Amino acid sequence: MQKETQTQNYILRREYRKSLKLSITPQAEVLVQAPWNLSQAAISQFLEKHAAWIAAHLAEAEQNRASRQEWLESILFLGREYPVRRWAQREVCLSKANLYLPELDSPEKERRKVAAWYRAQAQVLLPRRTQFWAGKMQKNYRQVRISSARKRWGSCTGEGVISFSWRLLQAPPAAVDYVIIHELAHRYRMDHSREFWAYVEAYCPDYPARKRLLEQTAEAMRRTGWDV
């Protein structure tokens, strides 16, 4: 159970939690998640303490929102940039040189269309690649799911359900493989211990460089407003 109130400067969401959490929504709003019994004075003090962080991240969110209101000029797919072209067909089609999109009446609809296309590609490519690496690593798993997660490329449950964000397909193939190896490694250890990273390194010796590719992809996505 939770209670949400809207003030002039932020959204306050009361929840069953032990600590305060501060975030900026894709709509460029300040969201405060607070324990039920925390005083308003404590919340105000918390916001004042993090004023600089809020200002910086609000500016970034506003820039991202502005980007989402612009027509797409190009997209990233497996690390390569494809110019966007419009055509009379209703389908999205990727050629060797361009991504072809149907004519739509708003940038928001266009992004949703492309997001659906990414998801469809992810549902084919990521389970196939996971099966490949599971064979090499000799690790089993229950299933692969495709999510819309914004802050997590992938995850793995103790029951062996592996999830990947469709956004991962914007990253280069080497970075995609690293995420898959990382999640399959959790079938060996469900932590990030020294043993876990040694296991990852056995199959992905250059994983620090691949992690940097993911960071670069995330930065490119922020610049182009991919908070669909």
C-alpha atoms as a PDB file:
ATOM      1  CA  MET A   1       0.000   0.000   0.000  1.00  0.00           C
ATOM      2  CA  GLN A   2       1.263   3.470  -0.819  1.00  0.00           C
ATOM      3  CA  LYS A   3       0.022   7.033  -0.894  1.00  0.00           C
ATOM      4  CA  GLU A   4       1.098   9.618  -3.449  1.00  0.00           C
ATOM      5  CA  THR A   5       0.713  13.370  -3.201  1.00  0.00           C
ATOM      6  CA  GLN A   6       1.703  16.057  -5.700  1.00  0.00           C
ATOM      7  CA  THR A   7       3.282  19.297  -4.515  1.00  0.00           C
ATOM      8  CA  GLN A   8       4.475  22.225  -6.573  1.00  0.00           C
ATOM      9  CA  ASN A   9       8.072  21.001  -6.588  1.00  0.00           C
ATOM     10  CA  TYR A  10       7.981  17.215  -6.243  1.00  0.00           C
ATOM     11  CA  ILE A  11       5.891  14.068  -6.013  1.00  0.00           C
ATOM     12  CA  LEU A  12       5.840  12.488  -2.549  1.00  0.00           C
ATOM     13  CA  ARG A  13       5.094   8.793  -2.362  1.00  0.00           C
ATOM     14  CA  ARG A  14       4.572   7.304   1.104  1.00  0.00           C
ATOM     15  CA  GLU A  15       5.490   3.619   1.240  1.00  0.00           C
ATOM     16  CA  TYR A  16       6.405   0.804   3.583  1.00  0.00           C
ATOM     17  CA  ARG A  17      10.152   1.412   3.424  1.00  0.00           C
ATOM     18  CA  LYS A  18      12.958   2.212   5.871  1.00  0.00           C
ATOM     19  CA  SER A  19      14.727   5.064   4.102  1.00  0.00           C
ATOM     20  CA  LEU A  20      14.194   7.950   1.712  1.00  0.00           C
ATOM     21  CA  LYS A  21      14.732   7.485  -2.004  1.00  0.00           C
ATOM     22  CA  LEU A  22      15.146  10.314  -4.490  1.00  0.00           C
ATOM     23  CA  SER A  23      14.780   9.979  -8.270  1.00  0.00           C
ATOM     24  CA  ILE A  24      13.912  11.934 -11.394  1.00  0.00           C
ATOM     25  CA  THR A  25      11.158  10.542 -13.627  1.00  0.00           C
ATOM     26  CA  PRO A  26      11.391  10.445 -17.450  1.00  0.00           C
ATOM     27  CA  GLN A  27       8.816  13.274 -17.394  1.00  0.00           C
ATOM     28  CA  ALA A  28      11.381  15.468 -15.551  1.00  0.00           C
ATOM     29  CA  GLU A  29       9.630  15.322 -12.178  1.00  0.00           C
ATOM     30  CA  VAL A  30      11.244  14.945  -8.763  1.00  0.00           C
ATOM     31  CA  LEU A  31      10.001  11.774  -7.053  1.00  0.00           C
ATOM     32  CA  VAL A  32      10.521  11.256  -3.313  1.00  0.00           C
ATOM     33  CA  GLN A  33       9.716   7.848  -1.834  1.00  0.00           C
ATOM     34  CA  ALA A  34       9.460   8.120   1.936  1.00  0.00           C
ATOM     35  CA  PRO A  35       8.545   5.957   4.936  1.00  0.00           C
ATOM     36  CA  TRP A  36       4.997   6.402   6.216  1.00  0.00           C
ATOM     37  CA  ASN A  37       6.026   7.941   9.549  1.00  0.00           C
ATOM     38  CA  LEU A  38       8.807  10.275   8.383  1.00  0.00           C
ATOM     39  CA  SER A  39       8.125  13.933   9.171  1.00  0.00           C
ATOM     40  CA  GLN A  40       7.687  16.563   6.496  1.00  0.00           C
ATOM     41  CA  ALA A  41      10.537  18.521   8.071  1.00  0.00           C
ATOM     42  CA  ALA A  42      12.919  15.583   7.579  1.00  0.00           C
ATOM     43  CA  ILE A  43      11.852  15.264   3.946  1.00  0.00           C
ATOM     44  CA  SER A  44      12.379  18.988   3.333  1.00  0.00           C
ATOM     45  CA  GLN A  45      15.829  18.795   4.928  1.00  0.00           C
ATOM     46  CA  PHE A  46      16.695  15.808   2.731  1.00  0.00           C
ATOM     47  CA  LEU A  47      15.648  17.701  -0.405  1.00  0.00           C
ATOM     48  CA  GLU A  48      17.636  20.771   0.598  1.00  0.00           C
ATOM     49  CA  LYS A  49      20.726  18.633   1.175  1.00  0.00           C
ATOM     50  CA  HIS A  50      20.418  17.149  -2.331  1.00  0.00           C
ATOM     51  CA  ALA A  51      19.464  20.388  -4.108  1.00  0.00           C
ATOM     52  CA  ALA A  52      22.532  20.392  -6.366  1.00  0.00           C
ATOM     53  CA  TRP A  53      21.944  16.776  -7.403  1.00  0.00           C
ATOM     54  CA  ILE A  54      18.298  17.521  -8.151  1.00  0.00           C
ATOM     55  CA  ALA A  55      19.127  20.563 -10.275  1.00  0.00           C
ATOM     56  CA  ALA A  56      21.714  18.683 -12.353  1.00  0.00           C
ATOM     57  CA  HIS A  57      19.544  15.631 -12.958  1.00  0.00           C
ATOM     58  CA  LEU A  58      16.435  17.687 -13.670  1.00  0.00           C
ATOM     59  CA  ALA A  59      18.341  19.542 -16.380  1.00  0.00           C
ATOM     60  CA  GLU A  60      19.421  16.224 -17.893  1.00  0.00           C
ATOM     61  CA  ALA A  61      15.862  14.854 -17.741  1.00  0.00           C
ATOM     62  CA  GLU A  62      14.509  17.992 -19.425  1.00  0.00           C
ATOM     63  CA  GLN A  63      17.065  17.593 -22.203  1.00  0.00           C
ATOM     64  CA  ASN A  64      16.092  13.930 -22.627  1.00  0.00           C
ATOM     65  CA  ARG A  65      12.410  14.855 -22.730  1.00  0.00           C
ATOM     66  CA  ALA A  66      13.128  17.442 -25.408  1.00  0.00           C
ATOM     67  CA  SER A  67      14.980  14.771 -27.396  1.00  0.00           C
ATOM     68  CA  ARG A  68      11.967  12.464 -27.193  1.00  0.00           C
ATOM     69  CA  GLN A  69       9.853  15.213 -28.753  1.00  0.00           C
ATOM     70  CA  GLU A  70      12.093  15.311 -31.828  1.00  0.00           C
ATOM     71  CA  TRP A  71      11.745  13.085 -34.867  1.00  0.00           C
ATOM     72  CA  LEU A  72      14.293  10.303 -35.038  1.00  0.00           C
ATOM     73  CA  GLU A  73      17.240  10.925 -37.327  1.00  0.00           C
ATOM     74  CA  SER A  74      19.049   7.665 -36.584  1.00  0.00           C
ATOM     75  CA  ILE A  75      19.008   4.675 -34.245  1.00  0.00           C
ATOM     76  CA  LEU A  76      21.604   2.383 -32.710  1.00  0.00           C
ATOM     77  CA  PHE A  77      21.317  -1.336 -33.356  1.00  0.00           C
ATOM     78  CA  LEU A  78      24.025  -3.667 -32.074  1.00  0.00           C
ATOM     79  CA  GLY A  79      26.392  -0.735 -31.769  1.00  0.00           C
ATOM     80  CA  ARG A  80      25.952   0.552 -35.314  1.00  0.00           C
ATOM     81  CA  GLU A  81      24.167   3.776 -36.199  1.00  0.00           C
ATOM     82  CA  TYR A  82      21.496   3.534 -38.896  1.00  0.00           C
ATOM     83  CA  PRO A  83      19.946   6.651 -40.488  1.00  0.00           C
ATOM     84  CA  VAL A  84      16.148   6.700 -40.327  1.00  0.00           C
ATOM     85  CA  ARG A  85      14.124   6.888 -43.525  1.00  0.00           C
ATOM     86  CA  ARG A  86      10.312   7.144 -43.808  1.00  0.00           C
ATOM     87  CA  TRP A  87       8.324   5.073 -46.255  1.00  0.00           C
ATOM     88  CA  ALA A  88       4.715   4.247 -47.146  1.00  0.00           C
ATOM     89  CA  GLN A  89       4.715   0.789 -45.577  1.00  0.00           C
ATOM     90  CA  ARG A  90       3.304   0.140 -42.084  1.00  0.00           C
ATOM     91  CA  GLU A  91       6.190  -2.075 -40.942  1.00  0.00           C
ATOM     92  CA  VAL A  92       9.595  -1.177 -39.544  1.00  0.00           C
ATOM     93  CA  CYS A  93      12.377  -2.574 -41.720  1.00  0.00           C
ATOM     94  CA  LEU A  94      16.146  -2.607 -41.208  1.00  0.00           C
ATOM     95  CA  SER A  95      18.253  -2.715 -44.365  1.00  0.00           C
ATOM     96  CA  LYS A  96      22.042  -2.875 -44.653  1.00  0.00           C
ATOM     97  CA  ALA A  97      22.192   0.908 -44.622  1.00  0.00           C
ATOM     98  CA  ASN A  98      18.990   2.377 -43.104  1.00  0.00           C
ATOM     99  CA  LEU A  99      16.058   1.836 -40.783  1.00  0.00           C
ATOM    100  CA  TYR A 100      12.749   2.413 -42.580  1.00  0.00           C
ATOM    101  CA  LEU A 101       9.804   3.679 -40.513  1.00  0.00           C
ATOM    102  CA  PRO A 102       6.156   4.278 -41.402  1.00  0.00           C
ATOM    103  CA  GLU A 103       4.920   7.854 -41.505  1.00  0.00           C
ATOM    104  CA  LEU A 104       3.427   8.643 -38.071  1.00  0.00           C
ATOM    105  CA  ASP A 105       1.851  11.807 -36.691  1.00  0.00           C
ATOM    106  CA  SER A 106       4.101  12.388 -33.654  1.00  0.00           C
ATOM    107  CA  PRO A 107       7.667  11.706 -32.465  1.00  0.00           C
ATOM    108  CA  GLU A 108       6.275   9.904 -29.399  1.00  0.00           C
ATOM    109  CA  LYS A 109       4.374   7.411 -31.567  1.00  0.00           C
ATOM    110  CA  GLU A 110       7.459   6.941 -33.691  1.00  0.00           C
ATOM    111  CA  ARG A 111       9.587   6.069 -30.668  1.00  0.00           C
ATOM    112  CA  ARG A 112       6.973   3.648 -29.380  1.00  0.00           C
ATOM    113  CA  LYS A 113       6.955   1.978 -32.787  1.00  0.00           C
ATOM    114  CA  VAL A 114      10.732   1.612 -32.735  1.00  0.00           C
ATOM    115  CA  ALA A 115      10.662   0.372 -29.133  1.00  0.00           C
ATOM    116  CA  ALA A 116       8.219  -2.363 -30.184  1.00  0.00           C
ATOM    117  CA  TRP A 117      10.567  -3.257 -33.044  1.00  0.00           C
ATOM    118  CA  TYR A 118      13.549  -3.463 -30.662  1.00  0.00           C
ATOM    119  CA  ARG A 119      11.542  -5.748 -28.367  1.00  0.00           C
ATOM    120  CA  ALA A 120      10.620  -8.045 -31.255  1.00  0.00           C
ATOM    121  CA  GLN A 121      14.279  -8.283 -32.284  1.00  0.00           C
ATOM    122  CA  ALA A 122      15.316  -8.932 -28.682  1.00  0.00           C
ATOM    123  CA  GLN A 123      12.809 -11.774 -28.338  1.00  0.00           C
ATOM    124  CA  VAL A 124      14.561 -13.561 -31.189  1.00  0.00           C
ATOM    125  CA  LEU A 125      18.229 -12.630 -30.775  1.00  0.00           C
ATOM    126  CA  LEU A 126      18.794 -12.668 -27.017  1.00  0.00           C
ATOM    127  CA  PRO A 127      17.352 -16.131 -26.239  1.00  0.00           C
ATOM    128  CA  ARG A 128      19.369 -17.545 -29.146  1.00  0.00           C
ATOM    129  CA  ARG A 129      22.597 -15.948 -27.920  1.00  0.00           C
ATOM    130  CA  THR A 130      21.896 -17.005 -24.333  1.00  0.00           C
ATOM    131  CA  GLN A 131      21.496 -20.600 -25.469  1.00  0.00           C
ATOM    132  CA  PHE A 132      24.844 -20.364 -27.265  1.00  0.00           C
ATOM    133  CA  TRP A 133      26.704 -19.101 -24.188  1.00  0.00           C
ATOM    134  CA  ALA A 134      24.903 -21.478 -21.830  1.00  0.00           C
ATOM    135  CA  GLY A 135      26.275 -24.332 -23.906  1.00  0.00           C
ATOM    136  CA  LYS A 136      29.828 -22.984 -23.727  1.00  0.00           C
ATOM    137  CA  MET A 137      29.581 -22.314 -19.997  1.00  0.00           C
ATOM    138  CA  GLN A 138      27.646 -25.511 -19.311  1.00  0.00           C
ATOM    139  CA  LYS A 139      25.017 -23.649 -17.311  1.00  0.00           C
ATOM    140  CA  ASN A 140      21.294 -24.265 -17.450  1.00  0.00           C
ATOM    141  CA  TYR A 141      18.514 -21.732 -16.984  1.00  0.00           C
ATOM    142  CA  ARG A 142      14.759 -21.798 -16.903  1.00  0.00           C
ATOM    143  CA  GLN A 143      13.811 -19.165 -19.480  1.00  0.00           C
ATOM    144  CA  VAL A 144      14.724 -15.828 -21.035  1.00  0.00           C
ATOM    145  CA  ARG A 145      12.389 -12.871 -20.674  1.00  0.00           C
ATOM    146  CA  ILE A 146      12.529  -9.503 -22.401  1.00  0.00           C
ATOM    147  CA  SER A 147      11.780  -6.471 -20.222  1.00  0.00           C
ATOM    148  CA  SER A 148      11.588  -2.696 -20.607  1.00  0.00           C
ATOM    149  CA  ALA A 149      13.995  -2.018 -17.740  1.00  0.00           C
ATOM    150  CA  ARG A 150      15.736   1.355 -17.923  1.00  0.00           C
ATOM    151  CA  LYS A 151      18.370   0.970 -15.201  1.00  0.00           C
ATOM    152  CA  ARG A 152      19.337  -2.679 -15.577  1.00  0.00           C
ATOM    153  CA  TRP A 153      20.587  -4.403 -18.707  1.00  0.00           C
ATOM    154  CA  GLY A 154      19.873  -7.865 -17.340  1.00  0.00           C
ATOM    155  CA  SER A 155      19.044  -9.906 -14.247  1.00  0.00           C
ATOM    156  CA  CYS A 156      18.892 -13.517 -13.117  1.00  0.00           C
ATOM    157  CA  THR A 157      16.718 -15.057 -10.413  1.00  0.00           C
ATOM    158  CA  GLY A 158      17.633 -17.951  -8.184  1.00  0.00           C
ATOM    159  CA  GLU A 159      15.145 -20.065 -10.135  1.00  0.00           C
ATOM    160  CA  GLY A 160      17.062 -19.460 -13.367  1.00  0.00           C
ATOM    161  CA  VAL A 161      14.811 -16.874 -15.032  1.00  0.00           C
ATOM    162  CA  ILE A 162      17.051 -14.508 -16.983  1.00  0.00           C
ATOM    163  CA  SER A 163      15.705 -11.122 -18.067  1.00  0.00           C
ATOM    164  CA  PHE A 164      17.196  -8.673 -20.539  1.00  0.00           C
ATOM    165  CA  SER A 165      16.065  -5.152 -21.374  1.00  0.00           C
ATOM    166  CA  TRP A 166      15.284  -4.670 -25.055  1.00  0.00           C
ATOM    167  CA  ARG A 167      17.466  -1.564 -24.774  1.00  0.00           C
ATOM    168  CA  LEU A 168      20.482  -3.885 -24.689  1.00  0.00           C
ATOM    169  CA  LEU A 169      20.223  -4.243 -28.475  1.00  0.00           C
ATOM    170  CA  GLN A 170      21.506  -0.686 -28.838  1.00  0.00           C
ATOM    171  CA  ALA A 171      24.879  -1.881 -27.482  1.00  0.00           C
ATOM    172  CA  PRO A 172      27.681  -3.458 -29.561  1.00  0.00           C
ATOM    173  CA  PRO A 173      27.710  -7.277 -29.836  1.00  0.00           C
ATOM    174  CA  ALA A 174      30.709  -7.562 -27.490  1.00  0.00           C
ATOM    175  CA  ALA A 175      28.784  -5.706 -24.784  1.00  0.00           C
ATOM    176  CA  VAL A 176      25.667  -7.807 -25.394  1.00  0.00           C
ATOM    177  CA  ASP A 177      27.697 -10.993 -24.962  1.00  0.00           C
ATOM    178  CA  TYR A 178      29.206  -9.635 -21.731  1.00  0.00           C
ATOM    179  CA  VAL A 179      25.748  -9.052 -20.236  1.00  0.00           C
ATOM    180  CA  ILE A 180      24.653 -12.553 -21.217  1.00  0.00           C
ATOM    181  CA  ILE A 181      27.815 -14.094 -19.730  1.00  0.00           C
ATOM    182  CA  HIS A 182      27.335 -11.997 -16.585  1.00  0.00           C
ATOM    183  CA  GLU A 183      23.789 -13.229 -16.040  1.00  0.00           C
ATOM    184  CA  LEU A 184      24.670 -16.853 -16.786  1.00  0.00           C
ATOM    185  CA  ALA A 185      27.525 -16.550 -14.292  1.00  0.00           C
ATOM    186  CA  HIS A 186      24.868 -15.987 -11.644  1.00  0.00           C
ATOM    187  CA  ARG A 187      23.909 -19.615 -12.217  1.00  0.00           C
ATOM    188  CA  TYR A 188      27.327 -20.298 -10.654  1.00  0.00           C
ATOM    189  CA  ARG A 189      27.117 -17.682  -7.892  1.00  0.00           C
ATOM    190  CA  MET A 190      24.208 -15.373  -7.012  1.00  0.00           C
ATOM    191  CA  ASP A 191      26.512 -12.578  -5.859  1.00  0.00           C
ATOM    192  CA  HIS A 192      29.308 -10.347  -7.105  1.00  0.00           C
ATOM    193  CA  SER A 193      32.080 -11.953  -5.099  1.00  0.00           C
ATOM    194  CA  ARG A 194      35.684 -12.411  -6.188  1.00  0.00           C
ATOM    195  CA  GLU A 195      34.794 -15.943  -7.272  1.00  0.00           C
ATOM    196  CA  PHE A 196      31.936 -14.621  -9.405  1.00  0.00           C
ATOM    197  CA  TRP A 197      34.160 -12.160 -11.272  1.00  0.00           C
ATOM    198  CA  ALA A 198      36.853 -14.792 -11.749  1.00  0.00           C
ATOM    199  CA  TYR A 199      34.216 -16.988 -13.374  1.00  0.00           C
ATOM    200  CA  VAL A 200      33.094 -14.133 -15.654  1.00  0.00           C
ATOM    201  CA  GLU A 201      36.725 -13.440 -16.582  1.00  0.00           C
ATOM    202  CA  ALA A 202      37.244 -17.068 -17.592  1.00  0.00           C
ATOM    203  CA  TYR A 203      34.730 -16.607 -20.416  1.00  0.00           C
ATOM    204  CA  CYS A 204      35.139 -12.881 -20.968  1.00  0.00           C
ATOM    205  CA  PRO A 205      38.753 -11.842 -20.210  1.00  0.00           C
ATOM    206  CA  ASP A 206      38.221  -8.269 -21.429  1.00  0.00           C
ATOM    207  CA  TYR A 207      34.992  -7.687 -19.497  1.00  0.00           C
ATOM    208  CA  PRO A 208      36.126  -4.291 -18.076  1.00  0.00           C
ATOM    209  CA  ALA A 209      36.402  -2.953 -21.638  1.00  0.00           C
ATOM    210  CA  ARG A 210      32.989  -4.388 -22.489  1.00  0.00           C
ATOM    211  CA  LYS A 211      31.490  -2.738 -19.414  1.00  0.00           C
ATOM    212  CA  ARG A 212      32.829   0.568 -20.710  1.00  0.00           C
ATOM    213  CA  LEU A 213      31.018  -0.081 -24.003  1.00  0.00           C
ATOM    214  CA  LEU A 214      27.803  -0.414 -22.013  1.00  0.00           C
ATOM    215  CA  GLU A 215      28.490   2.873 -20.242  1.00  0.00           C
ATOM    216  CA  GLN A 216      29.060   4.574 -23.593  1.00  0.00           C
ATOM    217  CA  THR A 217      25.813   3.077 -24.916  1.00  0.00           C
ATOM    218  CA  ALA A 218      23.909   4.303 -21.852  1.00  0.00           C
ATOM    219  CA  GLU A 219      25.302   7.792 -22.340  1.00  0.00           C
ATOM    220  CA  ALA A 220      24.292   7.792 -26.019  1.00  0.00           C
ATOM    221  CA  MET A 221      20.797   6.664 -25.040  1.00  0.00           C
ATOM    222  CA  ARG A 222      20.489   9.480 -22.498  1.00  0.00           C
ATOM    223  CA  ARG A 223      21.571  12.056 -25.072  1.00  0.00           C
ATOM    224  CA  THR A 224      18.974  10.828 -27.552  1.00  0.00           C
ATOM    225  CA  GLY A 225      16.112  10.567 -25.045  1.00  0.00           C
ATOM    226  CA  TRP A 226      15.575   6.819 -25.057  1.00  0.00           C
ATOM    227  CA  ASP A 227      13.494   6.794 -21.849  1.00  0.00           C
ATOM    228  CA  VAL A 228      10.538   5.262 -23.673  1.00  0.00           C
END
